[in-house]
C-alpha atoms as a PDB file:
ATOM      1  CA  UNK A   1      13.828 -64.417 -16.005  1.00  0.00           C
ATOM      2  CA  UNK A   2      14.199 -60.691 -15.521  1.00  0.00           C
ATOM      3  CA  UNK A   3      15.595 -59.151 -12.390  1.00  0.00           C
ATOM      4  CA  UNK A   4      14.081 -56.266 -10.441  1.00  0.00           C
ATOM      5  CA  UNK A   5      16.208 -53.733 -12.269  1.00  0.00           C
ATOM      6  CA  UNK A   6      14.459 -54.652 -15.521  1.00  0.00           C
ATOM      7  CA  UNK A   7      10.924 -54.542 -14.156  1.00  0.00           C
ATOM      8  CA  UNK A   8       8.425 -51.804 -13.296  1.00  0.00           C
ATOM      9  CA  UNK A   9       8.796 -52.109  -9.525  1.00  0.00           C
ATOM     10  CA  UNK A  10      10.608 -48.958  -8.535  1.00  0.00           C
ATOM     11  CA  UNK A  11       7.564 -46.926  -7.451  1.00  0.00           C
ATOM     12  CA  UNK A  12       5.239 -48.716  -4.993  1.00  0.00           C
ATOM     13  CA  UNK A  13       2.719 -45.854  -5.091  1.00  0.00           C
ATOM     14  CA  UNK A  14       2.099 -46.568  -8.773  1.00  0.00           C
ATOM     15  CA  UNK A  15       1.988 -50.338  -8.328  1.00  0.00           C
ATOM     16  CA  UNK A  16      -0.765 -52.836  -7.532  1.00  0.00           C
ATOM     17  CA  UNK A  17      -0.369 -56.451  -6.485  1.00  0.00           C
ATOM     18  CA  UNK A  18      -3.123 -58.488  -8.146  1.00  0.00           C
ATOM     19  CA  UNK A  19      -4.108 -61.858  -6.700  1.00  0.00           C
ATOM     20  CA  UNK A  20      -6.229 -63.771  -9.186  1.00  0.00           C
ATOM     21  CA  UNK A  21      -8.964 -66.073  -7.810  1.00  0.00           C
ATOM     22  CA  UNK A  22      -7.113 -67.002  -4.617  1.00  0.00           C
ATOM     23  CA  UNK A  23     -10.406 -67.974  -3.039  1.00  0.00           C
ATOM     24  CA  UNK A  24     -11.845 -70.948  -1.195  1.00  0.00           C
ATOM     25  CA  UNK A  25     -13.938 -72.093  -4.145  1.00  0.00           C
ATOM     26  CA  UNK A  26     -10.935 -72.218  -6.480  1.00  0.00           C
ATOM     27  CA  UNK A  27      -7.813 -73.077  -4.470  1.00  0.00           C
ATOM     28  CA  UNK A  28      -9.212 -73.653  -0.977  1.00  0.00           C
ATOM     29  CA  UNK A  29     -11.344 -76.144   0.905  1.00  0.00           C
ATOM     30  CA  UNK A  30     -14.379 -75.598  -1.355  1.00  0.00           C
ATOM     31  CA  UNK A  31     -12.504 -75.900  -4.646  1.00  0.00           C
ATOM     32  CA  UNK A  32     -14.389 -76.933  -7.770  1.00  0.00           C
ATOM     33  CA  UNK A  33     -10.982 -77.536  -9.403  1.00  0.00           C
ATOM     34  CA  UNK A  34      -9.274 -80.008  -7.044  1.00  0.00           C
ATOM     35  CA  UNK A  35      -6.197 -80.641  -9.206  1.00  0.00           C
ATOM     36  CA  UNK A  36      -5.511 -76.926  -9.393  1.00  0.00           C
ATOM     37  CA  UNK A  37      -6.158 -76.500  -5.675  1.00  0.00           C
ATOM     38  CA  UNK A  38      -3.643 -79.221  -4.838  1.00  0.00           C
ATOM     39  CA  UNK A  39      -0.995 -77.682  -7.081  1.00  0.00           C
ATOM     40  CA  UNK A  40      -1.621 -74.218  -5.611  1.00  0.00           C
ATOM     41  CA  UNK A  41      -1.065 -75.067  -1.956  1.00  0.00           C
ATOM     42  CA  UNK A  42       2.734 -74.449  -1.942  1.00  0.00           C
ATOM     43  CA  UNK A  43       2.206 -71.187  -3.836  1.00  0.00           C
ATOM     44  CA  UNK A  44      -0.387 -69.615  -1.536  1.00  0.00           C
ATOM     45  CA  UNK A  45       2.077 -68.884   1.268  1.00  0.00           C
ATOM     46  CA  UNK A  46       4.311 -67.070  -1.230  1.00  0.00           C
ATOM     47  CA  UNK A  47       1.354 -64.979  -2.364  1.00  0.00           C
ATOM     48  CA  UNK A  48       0.510 -64.237   1.259  1.00  0.00           C
ATOM     49  CA  UNK A  49       4.093 -63.087   1.852  1.00  0.00           C
ATOM     50  CA  UNK A  50       3.874 -60.773  -1.150  1.00  0.00           C
ATOM     51  CA  UNK A  51       0.590 -59.352   0.127  1.00  0.00           C
ATOM     52  CA  UNK A  52       2.124 -58.579   3.514  1.00  0.00           C
ATOM     53  CA  UNK A  53       5.136 -56.913   1.887  1.00  0.00           C
ATOM     54  CA  UNK A  54       2.900 -54.907  -0.446  1.00  0.00           C
ATOM     55  CA  UNK A  55       0.824 -53.568   2.434  1.00  0.00           C
ATOM     56  CA  UNK A  56       3.976 -52.667   4.351  1.00  0.00           C
ATOM     57  CA  UNK A  57       5.550 -50.755   1.479  1.00  0.00           C
ATOM     58  CA  UNK A  58       2.532 -48.871   0.122  1.00  0.00           C
ATOM     59  CA  UNK A  59       1.667 -51.112  -2.818  1.00  0.00           C
ATOM     60  CA  UNK A  60      -2.062 -51.409  -3.507  1.00  0.00           C
ATOM     61  CA  UNK A  61      -3.338 -54.923  -2.796  1.00  0.00           C
ATOM     62  CA  UNK A  62      -6.171 -56.088  -5.030  1.00  0.00           C
ATOM     63  CA  UNK A  63      -8.044 -59.404  -4.918  1.00  0.00           C
ATOM     64  CA  UNK A  64      -9.724 -60.486  -8.170  1.00  0.00           C
ATOM     65  CA  UNK A  65     -12.434 -62.953  -7.184  1.00  0.00           C
ATOM     66  CA  UNK A  66     -15.294 -64.727  -8.920  1.00  0.00           C
ATOM     67  CA  UNK A  67     -18.806 -65.127  -7.533  1.00  0.00           C
ATOM     68  CA  UNK A  68     -21.801 -65.928  -9.766  1.00  0.00           C
ATOM     69  CA  UNK A  69     -25.116 -64.236  -9.066  1.00  0.00           C
ATOM     70  CA  UNK A  70     -28.713 -65.399  -9.277  1.00  0.00           C
ATOM     71  CA  UNK A  71     -27.950 -69.062  -8.587  1.00  0.00           C
ATOM     72  CA  UNK A  72     -25.424 -69.089 -11.397  1.00  0.00           C
ATOM     73  CA  UNK A  73     -27.663 -67.440 -13.972  1.00  0.00           C
ATOM     74  CA  UNK A  74     -25.222 -64.529 -14.326  1.00  0.00           C
ATOM     75  CA  UNK A  75     -22.821 -66.872 -16.140  1.00  0.00           C
ATOM     76  CA  UNK A  76     -23.225 -68.215 -19.655  1.00  0.00           C
ATOM     77  CA  UNK A  77     -22.536 -71.943 -19.982  1.00  0.00           C
ATOM     78  CA  UNK A  78     -21.219 -71.963 -23.521  1.00  0.00           C
ATOM     79  CA  UNK A  79     -17.595 -72.728 -22.664  1.00  0.00           C
ATOM     80  CA  UNK A  80     -16.364 -76.069 -21.284  1.00  0.00           C
ATOM     81  CA  UNK A  81     -14.890 -74.245 -18.284  1.00  0.00           C
ATOM     82  CA  UNK A  82     -18.116 -72.552 -17.212  1.00  0.00           C
ATOM     83  CA  UNK A  83     -20.080 -75.759 -17.770  1.00  0.00           C
ATOM     84  CA  UNK A  84     -17.539 -77.746 -15.778  1.00  0.00           C
ATOM     85  CA  UNK A  85     -17.645 -75.329 -12.848  1.00  0.00           C
ATOM     86  CA  UNK A  86     -21.406 -74.734 -12.796  1.00  0.00           C
ATOM     87  CA  UNK A  87     -21.487 -76.002  -9.210  1.00  0.00           C
ATOM     88  CA  UNK A  88     -20.188 -72.597  -8.126  1.00  0.00           C
ATOM     89  CA  UNK A  89     -23.839 -71.537  -8.139  1.00  0.00           C
ATOM     90  CA  UNK A  90     -24.338 -73.627  -4.982  1.00  0.00           C
ATOM     91  CA  UNK A  91     -21.890 -71.638  -2.860  1.00  0.00           C
ATOM     92  CA  UNK A  92     -24.881 -70.263  -0.964  1.00  0.00           C
ATOM     93  CA  UNK A  93     -26.183 -66.832  -0.001  1.00  0.00           C
ATOM     94  CA  UNK A  94     -23.010 -65.888   1.861  1.00  0.00           C
ATOM     95  CA  UNK A  95     -20.907 -67.227  -1.034  1.00  0.00           C
ATOM     96  CA  UNK A  96     -18.074 -68.759   1.032  1.00  0.00           C
ATOM     97  CA  UNK A  97     -16.504 -70.017  -2.181  1.00  0.00           C
ATOM     98  CA  UNK A  98     -15.729 -66.395  -3.045  1.00  0.00           C
ATOM     99  CA  UNK A  99     -13.866 -65.784   0.215  1.00  0.00           C
ATOM    100  CA  UNK A 100     -10.129 -65.209  -0.097  1.00  0.00           C
ATOM    101  CA  UNK A 101      -8.145 -68.057   1.463  1.00  0.00           C
ATOM    102  CA  UNK A 102      -6.990 -67.410   5.018  1.00  0.00           C
ATOM    103  CA  UNK A 103      -3.270 -67.693   4.295  1.00  0.00           C
ATOM    104  CA  UNK A 104      -3.598 -64.525   2.198  1.00  0.00           C
ATOM    105  CA  UNK A 105      -6.556 -62.800   3.846  1.00  0.00           C
ATOM    106  CA  UNK A 106      -8.206 -59.464   3.180  1.00  0.00           C
ATOM    107  CA  UNK A 107      -7.130 -56.514   5.305  1.00  0.00           C
ATOM    108  CA  UNK A 108      -8.333 -52.922   5.669  1.00  0.00           C
ATOM    109  CA  UNK A 109      -7.175 -50.991   2.632  1.00  0.00           C
ATOM    110  CA  UNK A 110      -7.231 -53.972   0.282  1.00  0.00           C
ATOM    111  CA  UNK A 111      -9.425 -53.792  -2.812  1.00  0.00           C
ATOM    112  CA  UNK A 112     -11.738 -56.684  -3.692  1.00  0.00           C
ATOM    113  CA  UNK A 113     -12.953 -56.792  -7.289  1.00  0.00           C
ATOM    114  CA  UNK A 114     -15.660 -59.439  -7.416  1.00  0.00           C
ATOM    115  CA  UNK A 115     -16.806 -60.340 -10.907  1.00  0.00           C
ATOM    116  CA  UNK A 116     -20.027 -62.198 -11.574  1.00  0.00           C
ATOM    117  CA  UNK A 117     -19.555 -63.436 -15.142  1.00  0.00           C
ATOM    118  CA  UNK A 118     -16.939 -63.994 -17.797  1.00  0.00           C
ATOM    119  CA  UNK A 119     -13.641 -65.865 -17.882  1.00  0.00           C
ATOM    120  CA  UNK A 120     -11.208 -62.934 -17.883  1.00  0.00           C
ATOM    121  CA  UNK A 121     -10.848 -61.012 -14.612  1.00  0.00           C
ATOM    122  CA  UNK A 122     -10.175 -57.758 -16.508  1.00  0.00           C
ATOM    123  CA  UNK A 123     -12.172 -57.906 -19.751  1.00  0.00           C
ATOM    124  CA  UNK A 124     -15.393 -55.893 -19.401  1.00  0.00           C
ATOM    125  CA  UNK A 125     -14.763 -55.399 -15.677  1.00  0.00           C
ATOM    126  CA  UNK A 126     -13.885 -52.251 -13.731  1.00  0.00           C
ATOM    127  CA  UNK A 127     -10.487 -53.458 -12.500  1.00  0.00           C
ATOM    128  CA  UNK A 128      -8.159 -51.627 -14.866  1.00  0.00           C
ATOM    129  CA  UNK A 129     -10.238 -48.444 -14.971  1.00  0.00           C
ATOM    130  CA  UNK A 130     -10.322 -48.168 -11.181  1.00  0.00           C
ATOM    131  CA  UNK A 131      -6.596 -48.814 -10.847  1.00  0.00           C
ATOM    132  CA  UNK A 132      -5.798 -46.242 -13.518  1.00  0.00           C
ATOM    133  CA  UNK A 133      -7.991 -43.703 -11.730  1.00  0.00           C
ATOM    134  CA  UNK A 134      -5.858 -44.342  -8.630  1.00  0.00           C
ATOM    135  CA  UNK A 135      -2.697 -43.417 -10.523  1.00  0.00           C
ATOM    136  CA  UNK A 136      -1.528 -47.009 -10.878  1.00  0.00           C
ATOM    137  CA  UNK A 137       0.160 -48.118 -14.086  1.00  0.00           C
ATOM    138  CA  UNK A 138       2.264 -51.040 -12.864  1.00  0.00           C
ATOM    139  CA  UNK A 139       0.806 -54.448 -12.021  1.00  0.00           C
ATOM    140  CA  UNK A 140       2.319 -57.449 -10.273  1.00  0.00           C
ATOM    141  CA  UNK A 141       0.217 -60.503 -11.138  1.00  0.00           C
ATOM    142  CA  UNK A 142      -0.067 -63.579  -8.918  1.00  0.00           C
ATOM    143  CA  UNK A 143      -2.595 -66.368  -8.388  1.00  0.00           C
ATOM    144  CA  UNK A 144      -4.323 -68.876 -10.628  1.00  0.00           C
ATOM    145  CA  UNK A 145      -4.053 -70.028 -13.121  1.00  0.00           C
ATOM    146  CA  UNK A 146      -1.423 -69.780 -15.816  1.00  0.00           C
ATOM    147  CA  UNK A 147      -3.703 -71.985 -17.898  1.00  0.00           C
ATOM    148  CA  UNK A 148      -6.134 -69.131 -18.545  1.00  0.00           C
ATOM    149  CA  UNK A 149      -6.912 -66.345 -16.052  1.00  0.00           C
ATOM    150  CA  UNK A 150      -3.347 -65.151 -15.423  1.00  0.00           C
ATOM    151  CA  UNK A 151      -2.559 -64.813 -19.161  1.00  0.00           C
ATOM    152  CA  UNK A 152      -5.902 -63.056 -19.651  1.00  0.00           C
ATOM    153  CA  UNK A 153      -4.958 -60.503 -16.990  1.00  0.00           C
ATOM    154  CA  UNK A 154      -1.441 -60.005 -18.329  1.00  0.00           C
ATOM    155  CA  UNK A 155      -2.497 -59.549 -21.946  1.00  0.00           C
ATOM    156  CA  UNK A 156      -5.497 -57.389 -21.064  1.00  0.00           C
ATOM    157  CA  UNK A 157      -3.402 -55.108 -18.864  1.00  0.00           C
ATOM    158  CA  UNK A 158      -0.562 -54.852 -21.384  1.00  0.00           C
ATOM    159  CA  UNK A 159      -3.054 -53.900 -24.093  1.00  0.00           C
ATOM    160  CA  UNK A 160      -4.335 -51.147 -21.793  1.00  0.00           C
ATOM    161  CA  UNK A 161      -0.805 -49.711 -21.415  1.00  0.00           C
ATOM    162  CA  UNK A 162      -0.005 -51.095 -17.970  1.00  0.00           C
ATOM    163  CA  UNK A 163       3.476 -52.410 -17.232  1.00  0.00           C
ATOM    164  CA  UNK A 164       3.066 -56.009 -16.089  1.00  0.00           C
ATOM    165  CA  UNK A 165       5.138 -58.316 -13.894  1.00  0.00           C
ATOM    166  CA  UNK A 166       4.171 -61.969 -13.473  1.00  0.00           C
ATOM    167  CA  UNK A 167       5.662 -63.759 -10.464  1.00  0.00           C
ATOM    168  CA  UNK A 168       6.507 -67.350 -11.494  1.00  0.00           C
ATOM    169  CA  UNK A 169       6.694 -68.734  -7.957  1.00  0.00           C
ATOM    170  CA  UNK A 170       3.463 -66.977  -6.969  1.00  0.00           C
ATOM    171  CA  UNK A 171       1.413 -68.366  -9.875  1.00  0.00           C
ATOM    172  CA  UNK A 172       0.556 -71.909 -10.881  1.00  0.00           C
ATOM    173  CA  UNK A 173      -1.262 -73.926 -13.519  1.00  0.00           C
ATOM    174  CA  UNK A 174      -1.838 -77.591 -14.228  1.00  0.00           C
ATOM    175  CA  UNK A 175       0.005 -79.609 -15.096  1.00  0.00           C
ATOM    176  CA  UNK A 176       3.203 -77.987 -13.829  1.00  0.00           C
ATOM    177  CA  UNK A 177       4.907 -78.621 -17.163  1.00  0.00           C
ATOM    178  CA  UNK A 178       2.251 -76.467 -18.840  1.00  0.00           C
ATOM    179  CA  UNK A 179       2.767 -73.763 -16.185  1.00  0.00           C
ATOM    180  CA  UNK A 180       6.476 -73.636 -17.032  1.00  0.00           C
ATOM    181  CA  UNK A 181       5.728 -73.613 -20.742  1.00  0.00           C
ATOM    182  CA  UNK A 182       3.243 -70.758 -20.430  1.00  0.00           C
ATOM    183  CA  UNK A 183       5.770 -68.682 -18.510  1.00  0.00           C
ATOM    184  CA  UNK A 184       8.554 -69.265 -20.998  1.00  0.00           C
ATOM    185  CA  UNK A 185       6.735 -69.224 -24.312  1.00  0.00           C
ATOM    186  CA  UNK A 186       3.735 -66.944 -23.728  1.00  0.00           C
ATOM    187  CA  UNK A 187       3.797 -64.762 -20.623  1.00  0.00           C
ATOM    188  CA  UNK A 188       7.414 -63.708 -21.115  1.00  0.00           C
ATOM    189  CA  UNK A 189       6.296 -61.839 -24.257  1.00  0.00           C
ATOM    190  CA  UNK A 190       3.825 -59.577 -22.423  1.00  0.00           C
ATOM    191  CA  UNK A 191       5.263 -59.345 -18.903  1.00  0.00           C
ATOM    192  CA  UNK A 192       8.516 -59.263 -16.974  1.00  0.00           C
ATOM    193  CA  UNK A 193       8.989 -62.488 -15.016  1.00  0.00           C
ATOM    194  CA  UNK A 194      10.326 -61.650 -11.561  1.00  0.00           C
ATOM    195  CA  UNK A 195      10.595 -64.006  -8.590  1.00  0.00           C
ATOM    196  CA  UNK A 196       8.865 -63.198  -5.309  1.00  0.00           C
ATOM    197  CA  UNK A 197      12.108 -62.549  -3.418  1.00  0.00           C
ATOM    198  CA  UNK A 198      13.199 -60.029  -6.053  1.00  0.00           C
ATOM    199  CA  UNK A 199       9.811 -58.314  -5.987  1.00  0.00           C
ATOM    200  CA  UNK A 200      10.001 -57.872  -2.221  1.00  0.00           C
ATOM    201  CA  UNK A 201      13.615 -56.695  -2.455  1.00  0.00           C
ATOM    202  CA  UNK A 202      12.650 -54.084  -5.051  1.00  0.00           C
ATOM    203  CA  UNK A 203       9.886 -52.727  -2.818  1.00  0.00           C
ATOM    204  CA  UNK A 204      12.220 -52.651   0.165  1.00  0.00           C
ATOM    205  CA  UNK A 205      14.836 -50.854  -1.900  1.00  0.00           C
ATOM    206  CA  UNK A 206      12.317 -48.265  -3.037  1.00  0.00           C
ATOM    207  CA  UNK A 207      11.327 -47.639   0.573  1.00  0.00           C
ATOM    208  CA  UNK A 208      14.899 -47.100   1.729  1.00  0.00           C
ATOM    209  CA  UNK A 209      16.111 -45.291  -1.374  1.00  0.00           C
END
């Protein structure tokens, strides 16, 4: 695992903290993926702590959420994942399943990128273009899951010339053995792996330096 000196964390103004699908319908009380939700509970407080530190030190906070439109008709059902989570279409007109979990929350100044289709949070979405327009080229990735969405974000961002950090103790997948394997044998090739404490320390150091 890399330390903060090896990672792109020195300039908070050029950095965004991304929280992938940390929403009630995925990891909260309305989860359509209960095994993942159970595994994520210890991680959510860590993500919340990172969000608070990011806001304090001038790092852009961005929530990447998922909310189908038109009673689910915005989503194709060709993949096993989209077929298995088709019940997301019943979240209702106020879409509570898309709400960010309370332990993290959404505050004034946060960005919320809500996608309505697709598996990747960054492929064919506006996320990376908007962040680049804001002068951001460094991403700290947290959330769920290391099975699919987190690697999709990391690879997509790296291909678009962003420096990427993945926070092992602020991400999770199922089973946990697969989470550890993904970090070691896949994500470590496209991102620096930096623990939450070291991320916060790097931001604090940048603020006092």
